[in-house]
């Protein structure tokens, strides 16, 4: 039987209370409300674009508090319990299994990950029979990819461990604490640079699905519709600006002083990493659509994250697209 484990940590309430950081807001801006965003991840360079959009929303009067929890499970618990307002992830399984009253409302990024193995022990997907695998979180896109490839290659893993943070998993690979995992494009560059002969990146078919989305309680989305609209508009504008010129990420980070404490190596990698991300269509220009959700249904049912036939799923049962649709109507579609 497949064994599962998750990193243990403090309760959601304690972690939230300890880690909230209020994004700055100009005194002259009219107060449009406060929203609390919970990441089930550690702060890193891949979050810089999001925090730039948050700072721009703050200029328009939307205060955003961000917290970093030890897993996506804790973040989801915080949303369901009302301890936070917005989560980051793809909680398809949670919505289906417990009929959670939450909906995704903004597509942050696409699934563009790299399965990686210690080449001294494994060389192909078929070699992973009985292997221990580390992914980001329960129900995450990284887990779905690894489970899909297990199905397609007829292998059964011994265990799937949940280790939030692509950088954390890359570090564990370099230290020899894990041998099979999946990392983002930035950490693939790190592994190739630090240990070019040690790791093998396994092939994947083309995948069209959401990696990370913003989600919230459906009633909250209605009650805070003005603040949500501002955040969504700033996300779309920031994503488009970076897609047009990935190098702009450096000046924008400095202008808004976002994530000033990330490691220097991540700062140095911002332009190469975002350039790579733009080249592989990582950052959607329009924040999601009914068509992209249908693609999600196909992928997540095929991988086993969702149970049932993809054709039977309804977009409105998992997503609330009104904020994105309104923003795209205002800003124009790309």
Foldseek 3Di string as FASTA:
>chain_A
DAAEAEDDDDALLVQLVPFKDKADADPPAAALEEFEEEEQADDFLVCLLLVLLQNVLSPNRYIYIYGYHNAQVRRVVCQLVVVGFKYKFQPPLVCVPVVRQKAFAFFFWWDAKWKKFFPVQDDALLSQAQFEEEEAHVLAPQLLQNLLSCVVNVHDYNYYYHGHDLVVVLVCCVVVVHGIYMHHPLSVVVCCVPPVPTMDTYDDDDAQAGRMTMMGRPVVCVVSVVSLLSSLLSSLVSLVVCLVPVVVSLVSCVVSVPPVPHDVVRSVCSSVVSVVCSVVRTGDNQGDDPVSVLSNLVSCCSSPSDPDDSVPDDNVSHHDHVSSVVSCVVVPDD
